[in-house]
Amino acid sequence: MLVISKRTLREFWEKHSNSQSGLLLWYQRISDSKFQNLNDLRQVFPSTDIVGNFTVFNVSGNNYWLITYIDYQYQTVFVRAVLTHAEYDKENWKNDVWFKNS
């Protein structure tokens, strides 16, 4: 799958260095795969959840959350946000315009 954009991941791990290995592993696995649906995706990422239209990945042992939009037809993953567990739990990200308009 094509990931848009790795830059968002890199910017996050530059602030949270402990997230780098988990995000790079996620990036490698998602880039090397062709998932047709959520069931296929959960074969590789079992703890993946759906929130609204977004697919949310648990990264680095539940320390970080990666929020994406996946277009299975075009094999594209759009990275919307990477959050610490504390940021995710506050649920403020659900109030962002990009979440409400999706």
N, C-alpha and C. Protein backbone atom coordinates (compact mmCIF):
# COMPACT_ATOMS: atom_id res chain seq x y z
N MET A 1 0.85 -1.17 0.00
CA MET A 1 0.00 0.00 0.00
C MET A 1 0.89 1.24 0.00
N LEU A 2 0.40 2.28 -0.59
CA LEU A 2 1.09 3.57 -0.60
C LEU A 2 0.70 4.34 0.65
N VAL A 3 1.69 4.86 1.38
CA VAL A 3 1.44 5.61 2.59
C VAL A 3 1.67 7.09 2.33
N ILE A 4 0.66 7.89 2.67
CA ILE A 4 0.75 9.35 2.53
C ILE A 4 0.45 9.93 3.91
N SER A 5 1.32 10.48 4.63
CA SER A 5 2.70 10.71 4.28
C SER A 5 3.62 10.23 5.39
N LYS A 6 4.76 9.72 4.99
CA LYS A 6 5.75 9.26 5.96
C LYS A 6 6.29 10.44 6.76
N ARG A 7 6.22 11.61 6.20
CA ARG A 7 6.71 12.81 6.88
C ARG A 7 6.02 13.01 8.23
N THR A 8 4.73 12.76 8.30
CA THR A 8 3.99 12.90 9.56
C THR A 8 4.56 11.94 10.60
N LEU A 9 4.88 10.74 10.19
CA LEU A 9 5.49 9.76 11.10
C LEU A 9 6.85 10.25 11.58
N ARG A 10 7.67 10.71 10.65
CA ARG A 10 9.01 11.18 10.98
C ARG A 10 8.97 12.37 11.95
N GLU A 11 8.06 13.30 11.70
CA GLU A 11 7.95 14.46 12.59
C GLU A 11 7.56 14.03 14.00
N PHE A 12 6.71 13.00 14.10
CA PHE A 12 6.31 12.52 15.41
C PHE A 12 7.48 11.84 16.12
N TRP A 13 8.21 10.96 15.43
CA TRP A 13 9.29 10.25 16.11
C TRP A 13 10.47 11.16 16.43
N GLU A 14 10.57 12.30 15.74
CA GLU A 14 11.59 13.27 16.12
C GLU A 14 11.28 13.90 17.47
N LYS A 15 10.01 13.98 17.83
CA LYS A 15 9.60 14.50 19.14
C LYS A 15 9.52 13.40 20.19
N HIS A 16 9.20 12.19 19.75
CA HIS A 16 9.02 11.04 20.64
C HIS A 16 9.89 9.90 20.11
N SER A 17 11.16 9.94 20.45
CA SER A 17 12.12 9.00 19.86
C SER A 17 11.79 7.54 20.14
N ASN A 18 11.10 7.25 21.23
CA ASN A 18 10.73 5.86 21.53
C ASN A 18 9.73 5.29 20.53
N SER A 19 9.09 6.14 19.76
CA SER A 19 8.09 5.68 18.80
C SER A 19 8.69 5.28 17.45
N GLN A 20 9.94 5.64 17.22
CA GLN A 20 10.53 5.45 15.89
C GLN A 20 10.51 4.00 15.43
N SER A 21 10.97 3.08 16.24
CA SER A 21 11.04 1.69 15.79
C SER A 21 9.65 1.13 15.50
N GLY A 22 8.66 1.44 16.34
CA GLY A 22 7.30 0.96 16.11
C GLY A 22 6.67 1.55 14.86
N LEU A 23 6.89 2.83 14.64
CA LEU A 23 6.33 3.48 13.45
C LEU A 23 7.01 2.98 12.18
N LEU A 24 8.31 2.77 12.24
CA LEU A 24 9.01 2.24 11.06
C LEU A 24 8.57 0.81 10.75
N LEU A 25 8.36 0.02 11.79
CA LEU A 25 7.86 -1.35 11.58
C LEU A 25 6.47 -1.32 10.96
N TRP A 26 5.59 -0.46 11.47
CA TRP A 26 4.25 -0.32 10.90
C TRP A 26 4.36 0.10 9.42
N TYR A 27 5.19 1.10 9.16
CA TYR A 27 5.36 1.60 7.79
C TYR A 27 5.84 0.49 6.85
N GLN A 28 6.81 -0.29 7.29
CA GLN A 28 7.32 -1.37 6.46
C GLN A 28 6.24 -2.41 6.18
N ARG A 29 5.53 -2.82 7.22
CA ARG A 29 4.50 -3.86 7.05
C ARG A 29 3.36 -3.38 6.17
N ILE A 30 2.92 -2.15 6.35
CA ILE A 30 1.78 -1.65 5.57
C ILE A 30 2.20 -1.42 4.12
N SER A 31 3.44 -0.92 3.92
CA SER A 31 3.93 -0.64 2.57
C SER A 31 4.15 -1.91 1.76
N ASP A 32 4.50 -2.98 2.43
CA ASP A 32 4.79 -4.25 1.75
C ASP A 32 3.56 -5.11 1.53
N SER A 33 2.39 -4.61 1.90
CA SER A 33 1.17 -5.43 1.85
C SER A 33 0.13 -4.83 0.92
N LYS A 34 -0.81 -5.69 0.54
CA LYS A 34 -1.97 -5.27 -0.23
C LYS A 34 -3.20 -5.85 0.47
N PHE A 35 -3.82 -5.01 1.28
CA PHE A 35 -5.00 -5.42 2.03
C PHE A 35 -6.25 -5.09 1.22
N GLN A 36 -7.19 -6.01 1.21
CA GLN A 36 -8.43 -5.79 0.47
C GLN A 36 -9.55 -5.26 1.36
N ASN A 37 -9.41 -5.48 2.68
CA ASN A 37 -10.46 -5.06 3.61
C ASN A 37 -9.92 -5.12 5.04
N LEU A 38 -10.76 -4.75 5.99
CA LEU A 38 -10.36 -4.74 7.39
C LEU A 38 -9.97 -6.12 7.89
N ASN A 39 -10.66 -7.15 7.46
CA ASN A 39 -10.31 -8.50 7.89
C ASN A 39 -8.89 -8.88 7.47
N ASP A 40 -8.52 -8.53 6.25
CA ASP A 40 -7.14 -8.77 5.80
C ASP A 40 -6.15 -7.99 6.66
N LEU A 41 -6.47 -6.75 6.93
CA LEU A 41 -5.60 -5.88 7.72
C LEU A 41 -5.38 -6.45 9.12
N ARG A 42 -6.44 -6.97 9.71
CA ARG A 42 -6.35 -7.50 11.08
C ARG A 42 -5.54 -8.80 11.15
N GLN A 43 -5.26 -9.42 10.03
CA GLN A 43 -4.38 -10.59 10.04
C GLN A 43 -2.95 -10.17 10.41
N VAL A 44 -2.58 -8.95 10.04
CA VAL A 44 -1.24 -8.43 10.33
C VAL A 44 -1.26 -7.51 11.55
N PHE A 45 -2.35 -6.75 11.69
CA PHE A 45 -2.49 -5.79 12.79
C PHE A 45 -3.76 -6.11 13.58
N PRO A 46 -3.73 -7.12 14.45
CA PRO A 46 -4.95 -7.60 15.12
C PRO A 46 -5.65 -6.58 16.02
N SER A 47 -4.93 -5.62 16.56
CA SER A 47 -5.56 -4.68 17.49
C SER A 47 -6.10 -3.43 16.81
N THR A 48 -6.18 -3.45 15.50
CA THR A 48 -6.70 -2.32 14.74
C THR A 48 -8.18 -2.09 15.02
N ASP A 49 -8.54 -0.82 15.19
CA ASP A 49 -9.94 -0.45 15.44
C ASP A 49 -10.43 0.52 14.38
N ILE A 50 -11.75 0.57 14.23
CA ILE A 50 -12.39 1.54 13.36
C ILE A 50 -13.07 2.58 14.25
N VAL A 51 -12.77 3.84 13.99
CA VAL A 51 -13.41 4.96 14.68
C VAL A 51 -13.93 5.90 13.60
N GLY A 52 -15.24 5.96 13.45
CA GLY A 52 -15.80 6.73 12.33
C GLY A 52 -15.35 6.10 11.03
N ASN A 53 -14.79 6.91 10.15
CA ASN A 53 -14.25 6.41 8.88
C ASN A 53 -12.76 6.11 8.96
N PHE A 54 -12.21 6.18 10.16
CA PHE A 54 -10.77 6.04 10.31
C PHE A 54 -10.37 4.69 10.87
N THR A 55 -9.18 4.27 10.48
CA THR A 55 -8.58 3.05 11.00
C THR A 55 -7.50 3.48 11.98
N VAL A 56 -7.59 2.98 13.21
CA VAL A 56 -6.69 3.39 14.27
C VAL A 56 -5.80 2.20 14.65
N PHE A 57 -4.49 2.44 14.61
CA PHE A 57 -3.50 1.43 14.93
C PHE A 57 -2.87 1.71 16.28
N ASN A 58 -2.67 0.67 17.05
CA ASN A 58 -1.96 0.72 18.31
C ASN A 58 -0.50 0.46 17.98
N VAL A 59 0.39 1.40 18.33
CA VAL A 59 1.80 1.29 17.96
C VAL A 59 2.66 1.24 19.22
N SER A 60 3.68 0.45 19.18
CA SER A 60 4.66 0.35 20.26
C SER A 60 4.02 -0.02 21.59
N GLY A 61 3.29 -1.10 21.58
CA GLY A 61 2.72 -1.63 22.81
C GLY A 61 1.73 -0.72 23.50
N ASN A 62 0.86 -0.12 22.72
CA ASN A 62 -0.21 0.72 23.26
C ASN A 62 0.30 2.06 23.79
N ASN A 63 1.50 2.46 23.40
CA ASN A 63 2.02 3.76 23.82
C ASN A 63 1.63 4.88 22.87
N TYR A 64 1.41 4.54 21.61
CA TYR A 64 1.10 5.53 20.59
C TYR A 64 -0.05 5.03 19.73
N TRP A 65 -0.77 5.97 19.18
CA TRP A 65 -1.92 5.67 18.32
C TRP A 65 -1.72 6.35 16.99
N LEU A 66 -1.92 5.59 15.94
CA LEU A 66 -1.78 6.09 14.58
C LEU A 66 -3.16 6.09 13.94
N ILE A 67 -3.62 7.27 13.56
CA ILE A 67 -4.96 7.42 12.98
C ILE A 67 -4.81 7.60 11.48
N THR A 68 -5.48 6.73 10.73
CA THR A 68 -5.34 6.74 9.28
C THR A 68 -6.71 6.65 8.60
N TYR A 69 -6.71 7.00 7.33
CA TYR A 69 -7.85 6.72 6.47
C TYR A 69 -7.31 5.79 5.38
N ILE A 70 -7.97 4.67 5.17
CA ILE A 70 -7.50 3.70 4.19
C ILE A 70 -8.48 3.58 3.03
N ASP A 71 -7.94 3.74 1.83
CA ASP A 71 -8.71 3.50 0.61
C ASP A 71 -8.22 2.17 0.03
N TYR A 72 -8.98 1.13 0.31
CA TYR A 72 -8.58 -0.21 -0.12
C TYR A 72 -8.57 -0.34 -1.63
N GLN A 73 -9.50 0.31 -2.31
CA GLN A 73 -9.56 0.20 -3.76
C GLN A 73 -8.29 0.72 -4.42
N TYR A 74 -7.80 1.85 -3.93
CA TYR A 74 -6.61 2.46 -4.51
C TYR A 74 -5.33 2.12 -3.74
N GLN A 75 -5.45 1.23 -2.73
CA GLN A 75 -4.30 0.76 -1.97
C GLN A 75 -3.49 1.93 -1.39
N THR A 76 -4.19 2.87 -0.77
CA THR A 76 -3.57 4.06 -0.23
C THR A 76 -3.96 4.25 1.22
N VAL A 77 -2.97 4.58 2.05
CA VAL A 77 -3.18 4.87 3.47
C VAL A 77 -2.82 6.33 3.70
N PHE A 78 -3.76 7.10 4.20
CA PHE A 78 -3.53 8.50 4.51
C PHE A 78 -3.32 8.62 6.02
N VAL A 79 -2.14 9.05 6.44
CA VAL A 79 -1.85 9.25 7.86
C VAL A 79 -2.47 10.57 8.28
N ARG A 80 -3.40 10.50 9.23
CA ARG A 80 -4.08 11.71 9.70
C ARG A 80 -3.45 12.27 10.97
N ALA A 81 -2.99 11.39 11.86
CA ALA A 81 -2.38 11.86 13.11
C ALA A 81 -1.65 10.71 13.78
N VAL A 82 -0.64 11.07 14.56
CA VAL A 82 0.02 10.14 15.47
C VAL A 82 -0.07 10.80 16.84
N LEU A 83 -0.55 10.05 17.83
CA LEU A 83 -0.78 10.61 19.15
C LEU A 83 -0.16 9.73 20.23
N THR A 84 0.21 10.36 21.33
CA THR A 84 0.60 9.57 22.49
C THR A 84 -0.68 8.96 23.06
N HIS A 85 -0.51 7.99 23.93
CA HIS A 85 -1.69 7.36 24.54
C HIS A 85 -2.49 8.40 25.32
N ALA A 86 -1.82 9.29 26.02
CA ALA A 86 -2.51 10.32 26.80
C ALA A 86 -3.30 11.27 25.90
N GLU A 87 -2.73 11.66 24.77
CA GLU A 87 -3.43 12.54 23.82
C GLU A 87 -4.66 11.84 23.25
N TYR A 88 -4.51 10.57 22.92
CA TYR A 88 -5.62 9.80 22.36
C TYR A 88 -6.76 9.68 23.37
N ASP A 89 -6.43 9.40 24.62
CA ASP A 89 -7.44 9.22 25.66
C ASP A 89 -8.27 10.47 25.91
N LYS A 90 -7.69 11.64 25.70
CA LYS A 90 -8.43 12.89 25.90
C LYS A 90 -9.55 13.05 24.87
N GLU A 91 -9.45 12.36 23.77
CA GLU A 91 -10.41 12.38 22.67
C GLU A 91 -10.60 13.75 22.03
N ASN A 92 -9.69 14.68 22.28
CA ASN A 92 -9.75 15.99 21.62
C ASN A 92 -9.58 15.86 20.12
N TRP A 93 -8.88 14.81 19.68
CA TRP A 93 -8.65 14.62 18.26
C TRP A 93 -9.95 14.41 17.50
N LYS A 94 -10.98 13.93 18.18
CA LYS A 94 -12.28 13.72 17.53
C LYS A 94 -12.98 15.04 17.23
N ASN A 95 -12.53 16.13 17.84
CA ASN A 95 -13.11 17.45 17.59
C ASN A 95 -12.44 18.17 16.44
N ASP A 96 -11.33 17.64 15.95
CA ASP A 96 -10.63 18.27 14.83
C ASP A 96 -11.52 18.26 13.59
N VAL A 97 -11.36 19.27 12.77
CA VAL A 97 -12.17 19.44 11.57
C VAL A 97 -12.04 18.23 10.65
N TRP A 98 -10.83 17.70 10.46
CA TRP A 98 -10.65 16.59 9.55
C TRP A 98 -11.40 15.34 9.99
N PHE A 99 -11.60 15.19 11.29
CA PHE A 99 -12.33 14.02 11.78
C PHE A 99 -13.84 14.22 11.56
N LYS A 100 -14.32 15.40 11.90
CA LYS A 100 -15.77 15.67 11.78
C LYS A 100 -16.23 15.66 10.33
N ASN A 101 -15.38 16.08 9.42
CA ASN A 101 -15.78 16.19 8.03
C ASN A 101 -15.54 14.92 7.23
N SER A 102 -15.13 13.88 7.88
CA SER A 102 -14.84 12.65 7.14
C SER A 102 -15.96 11.64 7.28
